[in-house]
Amino acid sequence: MQSAQAAQDTADLALGDAATAQATADTAVQSAQTAQDTADQALATSQANGTAVAAAQLTAETARSEAGAAQATADEAIARIDVLGFDGSGDAAGANAISLGTGASAGGDDAIAIGTGAAASDGAAVAIGLGNVASGNGAVAIGDPNLATGIGAVAVGADNSATGTGALAIGNLNVAAGNAAIALGNGSSATGDGAVAIGDGAVADRANQVALGNSASTYTLAGVASTASNAAQSGALHLLTSDAAGNIGTTALDIAELGGLGDRVDLLEQQSAALDARTTVLERHARQANGGIATAMAMGGTMIVPDSTVSISFTLATYRGEQGFSGAAVLRLTPRVYVSGGIAGSTVKGSTGGRVGVAFGF
């Protein structure tokens, strides 16, 4: 209302100046006419009195010049009045409306439009700045240019749009399309009812959604671990979770349960360690068994060379990744009595063994 009163005072002053200038111009015209009449009379009375005629003519010309200047001043004042509109006059069609600027229009009651092309077309709407449009009842658009069409909507800055009822868009290129939506920053969009988008390129397209920043944003909550913050909590505590898109939620897992899980985890770790030890023993036994089989296979390959008193043989074998080896000797004591002995081992540590034997024939 102070801005409206100031604008009204300015207009009243301009109208007074215009009226004064017009009156001055009229007086000057009358003086010029009087001087012209005097000159004509002097010329008719005496052609000899050239000095008086010349003086009267000069007075008439001076008066005409002053009248022209006064008329120009009046015309300029009237031209200035053309860009002002108040209370149903000019481009201020609404009751108690105010319009100021070329092409400004205040069509709603108590509306205010200030600036080139500014338009306030609904009750108590306010549009200030180049090309701003406030068409909602009580809407406000300020900057270069903004659009506020929702009831009570506010758009401030550059190229913002607030079209929802009670919507707020402040900054640059922000859109608040949902009812009671808020879009702040640069290029943010709040299209859901009650949605809030704050930051650079933030998008809140669901009802009552709050979006802060974009995928490159980082977040700092300095007081989250404060004593006062913790004291404000009540009831069971839950874990905060987030998906890849940044949607935040909580788990049904109670924090108190996590304390019990710690003991369970310790027990599981002990059992796992014992299982690992048993597994190591089993793996060692499996290798020993495989090595023993490879050793037996190698030992079984002892050969007797016909017509020889002594036969010596060496044998290699492999089984499931383990290798066996053996060396054996056979001694023929008589044609029907043989004595043999051998030694064998494998790639498994501790798998070396030996044998001796005697054979009789009847």
Protein backbone atom coordinates (compact mmCIF):
# COMPACT_ATOMS: atom_id res chain seq x y z
CA MET A 1 0.00 0.00 0.00
CA GLN A 2 2.92 2.39 0.58
CA SER A 3 4.07 1.81 -3.03
CA ALA A 4 0.53 2.40 -4.27
CA GLN A 5 0.22 5.64 -2.25
CA ALA A 6 3.58 6.85 -3.56
CA ALA A 7 2.51 6.12 -7.12
CA GLN A 8 -0.83 7.97 -6.48
CA ASP A 9 1.03 11.00 -5.10
CA THR A 10 3.35 11.02 -8.14
CA ALA A 11 0.37 10.89 -10.49
CA ASP A 12 -1.44 13.73 -8.66
CA LEU A 13 1.68 15.86 -8.86
CA ALA A 14 2.07 15.11 -12.58
CA LEU A 15 -1.60 16.02 -13.21
CA GLY A 16 -1.12 19.31 -11.34
CA ASP A 17 1.98 20.13 -13.38
CA ALA A 18 0.13 19.36 -16.59
CA ALA A 19 -2.80 21.60 -15.61
CA THR A 20 -0.43 24.45 -14.69
CA ALA A 21 1.46 24.08 -17.97
CA GLN A 22 -1.78 24.12 -19.95
CA ALA A 23 -2.95 27.27 -18.13
CA THR A 24 0.40 28.94 -18.82
CA ALA A 25 0.08 28.06 -22.49
CA ASP A 26 -3.43 29.52 -22.66
CA THR A 27 -2.28 32.76 -20.97
CA ALA A 28 0.66 33.03 -23.36
CA VAL A 29 -1.65 32.60 -26.35
CA GLN A 30 -3.93 35.37 -25.03
CA SER A 31 -0.92 37.66 -24.44
CA ALA A 32 0.29 36.97 -27.95
CA GLN A 33 -3.12 37.83 -29.37
CA THR A 34 -3.26 41.04 -27.36
CA ALA A 35 0.20 42.02 -28.54
CA GLN A 36 -0.79 41.30 -32.13
CA ASP A 37 -3.90 43.48 -31.75
CA THR A 38 -1.77 46.26 -30.29
CA ALA A 39 0.64 46.00 -33.19
CA ASP A 40 -2.16 46.09 -35.75
CA GLN A 41 -3.71 49.16 -34.04
CA ALA A 42 -0.39 50.95 -33.90
CA LEU A 43 0.20 50.20 -37.56
CA ALA A 44 -3.22 51.54 -38.52
CA THR A 45 -2.88 54.68 -36.37
CA SER A 46 0.47 55.84 -37.60
CA GLN A 47 2.67 54.45 -40.26
CA ALA A 48 5.29 57.01 -39.19
CA ASN A 49 5.75 55.57 -35.77
CA GLY A 50 7.91 52.64 -36.99
CA THR A 51 9.69 52.22 -33.69
CA ALA A 52 6.47 51.54 -31.76
CA VAL A 53 5.26 49.11 -34.40
CA ALA A 54 8.54 47.18 -34.37
CA ALA A 55 8.50 46.95 -30.59
CA ALA A 56 4.91 45.72 -30.56
CA GLN A 57 5.70 43.15 -33.24
CA LEU A 58 8.72 41.87 -31.26
CA THR A 59 6.53 41.58 -28.15
CA ALA A 60 3.99 39.55 -30.11
CA GLU A 61 6.64 37.20 -31.50
CA THR A 62 8.14 36.68 -28.01
CA ALA A 63 4.71 35.89 -26.62
CA ARG A 64 4.06 33.39 -29.40
CA SER A 65 7.41 31.67 -28.67
CA GLU A 66 6.64 31.43 -24.97
CA ALA A 67 3.18 30.06 -25.75
CA GLY A 68 4.74 27.33 -27.93
CA ALA A 69 7.17 26.33 -25.19
CA ALA A 70 4.36 26.21 -22.65
CA GLN A 71 2.26 24.03 -24.96
CA ALA A 72 5.18 21.63 -25.46
CA THR A 73 5.58 21.34 -21.68
CA ALA A 74 1.89 20.59 -21.31
CA ASP A 75 2.00 17.96 -24.07
CA GLU A 76 4.98 16.22 -22.39
CA ALA A 77 3.19 16.17 -19.03
CA ILE A 78 0.07 14.71 -20.63
CA ALA A 79 2.18 12.06 -22.40
CA ARG A 80 3.66 11.02 -19.08
CA ILE A 81 0.20 10.77 -17.58
CA ASP A 82 -0.73 8.31 -20.38
CA VAL A 83 1.51 5.58 -18.83
CA LEU A 84 -0.14 5.96 -15.41
CA GLY A 85 -3.43 4.38 -14.51
CA PHE A 86 -5.27 4.61 -11.21
CA ASP A 87 -8.54 3.27 -9.85
CA GLY A 88 -10.37 2.40 -13.07
CA SER A 89 -8.55 4.85 -15.35
CA GLY A 90 -6.29 4.00 -18.30
CA ASP A 91 -4.89 0.45 -18.05
CA ALA A 92 -5.84 0.16 -14.35
CA ALA A 93 -9.33 -1.23 -14.95
CA GLY A 94 -9.83 -2.74 -11.49
CA ALA A 95 -11.10 -0.81 -8.49
CA ASN A 96 -8.20 0.72 -6.54
CA ALA A 97 -5.83 -0.78 -9.13
CA ILE A 98 -2.51 0.77 -10.16
CA SER A 99 -0.65 0.38 -13.45
CA LEU A 100 2.66 2.06 -14.23
CA GLY A 101 4.71 1.55 -17.39
CA THR A 102 4.26 1.11 -21.11
CA GLY A 103 1.73 -1.63 -21.78
CA ALA A 104 1.24 -2.33 -18.06
CA SER A 105 -2.19 -3.64 -17.18
CA ALA A 106 -3.90 -3.98 -13.78
CA GLY A 107 -7.25 -5.62 -14.49
CA GLY A 108 -8.13 -6.96 -11.05
CA ASP A 109 -9.47 -5.01 -8.09
CA ASP A 110 -6.59 -3.74 -5.91
CA ALA A 111 -4.12 -5.16 -8.46
CA ILE A 112 -0.72 -3.55 -9.10
CA ALA A 113 1.19 -3.75 -12.39
CA ILE A 114 4.51 -1.91 -12.64
CA GLY A 115 6.91 -2.21 -15.57
CA THR A 116 6.80 -2.57 -19.32
CA GLY A 117 4.21 -5.19 -20.27
CA ALA A 118 3.52 -6.15 -16.66
CA ALA A 119 0.06 -7.68 -16.17
CA ALA A 120 -1.89 -8.19 -12.93
CA SER A 121 -5.22 -9.57 -14.03
CA ASP A 122 -6.86 -10.87 -10.87
CA GLY A 123 -7.82 -9.51 -7.49
CA ALA A 124 -4.93 -8.07 -5.43
CA ALA A 125 -2.40 -9.59 -7.83
CA VAL A 126 1.02 -7.91 -8.08
CA ALA A 127 3.25 -7.92 -11.18
CA ILE A 128 6.48 -5.90 -11.00
CA GLY A 129 9.11 -5.89 -13.74
CA LEU A 130 9.38 -6.41 -17.48
CA GLY A 131 6.77 -8.83 -18.80
CA ASN A 132 5.78 -10.31 -15.44
CA VAL A 133 2.32 -11.89 -15.28
CA ALA A 134 0.32 -12.39 -12.08
CA SER A 135 -3.11 -13.76 -12.93
CA GLY A 136 -4.03 -15.62 -9.76
CA ASN A 137 -5.94 -13.98 -6.95
CA GLY A 138 -3.25 -12.55 -4.65
CA ALA A 139 -0.50 -13.89 -6.93
CA VAL A 140 2.89 -12.14 -7.05
CA ALA A 141 5.35 -12.08 -9.97
CA ILE A 142 8.54 -10.04 -9.59
CA GLY A 143 11.64 -10.09 -11.82
CA ASP A 144 12.38 -10.62 -15.50
CA PRO A 145 9.92 -12.10 -16.41
CA ASN A 146 7.97 -14.54 -14.24
CA LEU A 147 4.57 -16.22 -14.33
CA ALA A 148 2.34 -16.63 -11.26
CA THR A 149 -1.10 -17.99 -12.16
CA GLY A 150 -2.09 -19.95 -9.06
CA ILE A 151 -4.10 -18.42 -6.24
CA GLY A 152 -1.56 -16.92 -3.84
CA ALA A 153 1.28 -18.16 -6.04
CA VAL A 154 4.66 -16.38 -5.91
CA ALA A 155 7.33 -16.30 -8.65
CA VAL A 156 10.44 -14.20 -8.03
CA GLY A 157 13.64 -14.03 -10.09
CA ALA A 158 14.09 -14.83 -13.77
CA ASP A 159 11.85 -17.05 -15.91
CA ASN A 160 10.18 -18.80 -12.99
CA SER A 161 6.71 -20.31 -13.12
CA ALA A 162 4.35 -20.81 -10.17
CA THR A 163 1.06 -22.24 -11.43
CA GLY A 164 -0.19 -24.24 -8.47
CA THR A 165 -2.36 -22.84 -5.70
CA GLY A 166 -0.01 -21.41 -3.05
CA ALA A 167 3.00 -22.45 -5.15
CA LEU A 168 6.40 -20.77 -4.71
CA ALA A 169 9.17 -20.51 -7.35
CA ILE A 170 12.26 -18.43 -6.56
CA GLY A 171 15.53 -18.25 -8.50
CA ASN A 172 16.08 -19.01 -12.16
CA LEU A 173 14.06 -21.26 -14.47
CA ASN A 174 12.24 -22.99 -11.62
CA VAL A 175 8.79 -24.57 -11.97
CA ALA A 176 6.30 -24.99 -9.11
CA ALA A 177 3.29 -26.64 -10.77
CA GLY A 178 1.80 -28.60 -7.87
CA ASN A 179 -0.52 -27.09 -5.30
CA ALA A 180 1.54 -25.84 -2.32
CA ALA A 181 4.68 -26.86 -4.26
CA ILE A 182 8.04 -25.13 -3.70
CA ALA A 183 10.87 -24.87 -6.25
CA LEU A 184 14.03 -22.98 -5.24
CA GLY A 185 17.40 -22.64 -6.96
CA ASN A 186 18.24 -23.11 -10.61
CA GLY A 187 16.21 -25.29 -12.96
CA SER A 188 14.39 -27.10 -10.16
CA SER A 189 10.95 -28.62 -10.68
CA ALA A 190 8.21 -29.39 -8.12
CA THR A 191 5.22 -30.80 -9.99
CA GLY A 192 3.61 -32.93 -7.28
CA ASP A 193 1.16 -31.44 -4.78
CA GLY A 194 3.07 -30.42 -1.65
CA ALA A 195 6.37 -31.29 -3.34
CA VAL A 196 9.60 -29.44 -2.53
CA ALA A 197 12.59 -29.18 -4.92
CA ILE A 198 15.65 -27.26 -3.74
CA GLY A 199 19.00 -26.87 -5.50
CA ASP A 200 20.41 -27.17 -9.00
CA GLY A 201 18.16 -29.32 -11.17
CA ALA A 202 16.28 -30.92 -8.28
CA VAL A 203 13.12 -32.79 -9.35
CA ALA A 204 10.16 -33.59 -7.06
CA ASP A 205 7.41 -35.14 -9.16
CA ARG A 206 5.58 -37.11 -6.46
CA ALA A 207 3.05 -35.73 -3.98
CA ASN A 208 4.71 -34.49 -0.77
CA GLN A 209 8.15 -35.48 -2.08
CA VAL A 210 11.22 -33.50 -0.97
CA ALA A 211 14.16 -33.42 -3.41
CA LEU A 212 17.48 -31.78 -2.48
CA GLY A 213 20.04 -31.21 -5.24
CA ASN A 214 20.99 -33.69 -7.94
CA SER A 215 23.01 -36.89 -8.32
CA ALA A 216 26.28 -34.97 -7.79
CA SER A 217 25.15 -33.37 -4.52
CA THR A 218 26.63 -34.15 -1.11
CA TYR A 219 24.76 -33.72 2.16
CA THR A 220 25.89 -32.51 5.56
CA LEU A 221 23.71 -32.69 8.68
CA ALA A 222 26.01 -31.16 11.25
CA GLY A 223 23.71 -31.63 14.22
CA VAL A 224 22.51 -35.16 13.51
CA ALA A 225 24.76 -36.60 16.24
CA SER A 226 24.14 -33.83 18.75
CA THR A 227 22.91 -34.56 22.26
CA ALA A 228 19.77 -32.54 21.65
CA SER A 229 18.98 -34.44 18.45
CA ASN A 230 19.40 -37.81 20.15
CA ALA A 231 17.34 -36.65 23.13
CA ALA A 232 14.48 -35.76 20.80
CA GLN A 233 14.15 -39.37 19.64
CA SER A 234 11.62 -41.67 21.26
CA GLY A 235 10.48 -45.26 20.89
CA ALA A 236 12.27 -47.95 18.95
CA LEU A 237 15.12 -46.78 16.73
CA HIS A 238 15.45 -48.00 13.15
CA LEU A 239 18.09 -47.99 10.44
CA LEU A 240 18.02 -45.41 7.66
CA THR A 241 18.20 -46.92 4.16
CA SER A 242 18.61 -45.58 0.62
CA ASP A 243 18.24 -47.05 -2.86
CA ALA A 244 20.36 -46.24 -5.92
CA ALA A 245 18.07 -43.33 -6.84
CA GLY A 246 18.49 -41.73 -3.40
CA ASN A 247 15.03 -42.55 -2.06
CA ILE A 248 15.31 -42.68 1.73
CA GLY A 249 13.46 -45.08 4.01
CA THR A 250 13.86 -47.11 7.20
CA THR A 251 14.11 -50.82 7.88
CA ALA A 252 11.84 -52.79 10.20
CA LEU A 253 14.95 -53.97 12.07
CA ASP A 254 15.12 -52.54 15.57
CA ILE A 255 18.46 -51.12 16.65
CA ALA A 256 18.20 -53.12 19.88
CA GLU A 257 18.20 -56.31 17.83
CA LEU A 258 21.55 -55.36 16.37
CA GLY A 259 23.16 -55.61 19.82
CA GLY A 260 22.04 -59.24 20.08
CA LEU A 261 23.23 -59.86 16.55
CA GLY A 262 26.74 -58.93 17.66
CA ASP A 263 26.90 -61.90 20.03
CA ARG A 264 25.49 -64.16 17.35
CA VAL A 265 28.06 -62.95 14.88
CA ASP A 266 30.86 -63.65 17.37
CA LEU A 267 29.57 -67.21 17.85
CA LEU A 268 29.27 -67.72 14.12
CA GLU A 269 32.84 -66.49 13.64
CA GLN A 270 34.08 -69.00 16.26
CA GLN A 271 32.15 -71.83 14.65
CA SER A 272 33.43 -70.78 11.26
CA ALA A 273 37.01 -70.82 12.52
CA ALA A 274 36.52 -74.32 13.95
CA LEU A 275 34.96 -75.45 10.69
CA ASP A 276 37.89 -74.01 8.78
CA ALA A 277 40.29 -75.97 11.00
CA ARG A 278 38.35 -79.17 10.42
CA THR A 279 38.25 -78.52 6.73
CA THR A 280 42.03 -78.08 6.70
CA VAL A 281 42.45 -81.44 8.47
CA LEU A 282 40.08 -83.12 6.04
CA GLU A 283 41.93 -81.66 3.08
CA ARG A 284 45.23 -82.95 4.50
CA HIS A 285 43.77 -86.40 5.07
CA ALA A 286 42.35 -86.43 1.57
CA ARG A 287 45.79 -85.66 0.14
CA GLN A 288 47.35 -88.33 2.30
CA ALA A 289 44.77 -90.84 1.09
CA ASN A 290 45.37 -89.90 -2.51
CA GLY A 291 49.13 -90.07 -1.96
CA GLY A 292 48.77 -93.50 -0.33
CA ILE A 293 46.83 -94.82 -3.29
CA ALA A 294 49.47 -93.45 -5.65
CA THR A 295 52.18 -95.12 -3.52
CA ALA A 296 50.36 -98.46 -3.55
CA MET A 297 49.93 -98.27 -7.29
CA ALA A 298 53.68 -97.66 -7.70
CA MET A 299 54.61 -100.47 -5.27
CA GLY A 300 52.40 -102.93 -7.12
CA GLY A 301 54.44 -102.57 -10.22
CA THR A 302 57.38 -104.75 -9.03
CA MET A 303 58.57 -106.99 -11.88
CA ILE A 304 60.72 -110.20 -12.09
CA VAL A 305 63.06 -110.61 -15.01
CA PRO A 306 63.02 -114.24 -16.26
CA ASP A 307 66.19 -116.32 -15.89
CA SER A 308 67.70 -113.69 -13.52
CA THR A 309 68.93 -114.23 -9.99
CA VAL A 310 68.26 -110.58 -9.04
CA SER A 311 65.57 -108.32 -10.52
CA ILE A 312 65.43 -104.57 -9.72
CA SER A 313 62.54 -102.34 -10.76
CA PHE A 314 61.50 -98.68 -10.41
CA THR A 315 57.86 -97.57 -10.84
CA LEU A 316 55.96 -94.20 -11.00
CA ALA A 317 52.19 -93.67 -10.55
CA THR A 318 49.68 -90.77 -10.22
CA TYR A 319 46.26 -90.49 -8.62
CA ARG A 320 44.02 -87.37 -8.25
CA GLY A 321 46.87 -84.94 -8.44
CA GLU A 322 49.29 -86.86 -6.22
CA GLN A 323 52.31 -88.77 -7.60
CA GLY A 324 53.70 -92.08 -6.24
CA PHE A 325 57.07 -93.76 -6.81
CA SER A 326 58.73 -97.05 -5.75
CA GLY A 327 61.90 -99.06 -6.01
CA ALA A 328 62.01 -102.86 -5.46
CA ALA A 329 64.40 -105.82 -5.70
CA VAL A 330 63.64 -109.54 -6.10
CA LEU A 331 66.28 -112.19 -5.22
CA ARG A 332 65.91 -115.79 -6.41
CA LEU A 333 67.48 -117.97 -3.73
CA THR A 334 66.48 -121.28 -5.26
CA PRO A 335 64.32 -122.10 -8.19
CA ARG A 336 61.36 -122.28 -5.84
CA VAL A 337 62.26 -119.61 -3.22
CA TYR A 338 62.21 -115.84 -3.88
CA VAL A 339 62.89 -112.94 -1.51
CA SER A 340 61.73 -109.38 -2.33
CA GLY A 341 61.83 -105.92 -0.76
CA GLY A 342 60.89 -102.42 -1.78
CA ILE A 343 60.38 -98.83 -0.71
CA ALA A 344 57.77 -96.37 -1.96
CA GLY A 345 56.53 -92.83 -1.36
CA SER A 346 54.50 -89.94 -2.82
CA THR A 347 54.43 -86.17 -3.15
CA VAL A 348 52.48 -85.99 0.14
CA LYS A 349 54.68 -85.36 3.14
CA GLY A 350 55.02 -88.37 5.46
CA SER A 351 53.74 -90.92 2.95
CA THR A 352 56.98 -92.96 2.54
CA GLY A 353 56.71 -96.73 3.25
CA GLY A 354 58.46 -100.01 2.58
CA ARG A 355 57.89 -103.80 2.40
CA VAL A 356 59.74 -107.12 2.36
CA GLY A 357 58.48 -110.55 1.41
CA VAL A 358 59.37 -114.15 0.61
CA ALA A 359 57.71 -116.53 -1.82
CA PHE A 360 57.87 -120.36 -1.87
CA GLY A 361 56.89 -122.60 -4.69
CA PHE A 362 55.87 -126.32 -4.44
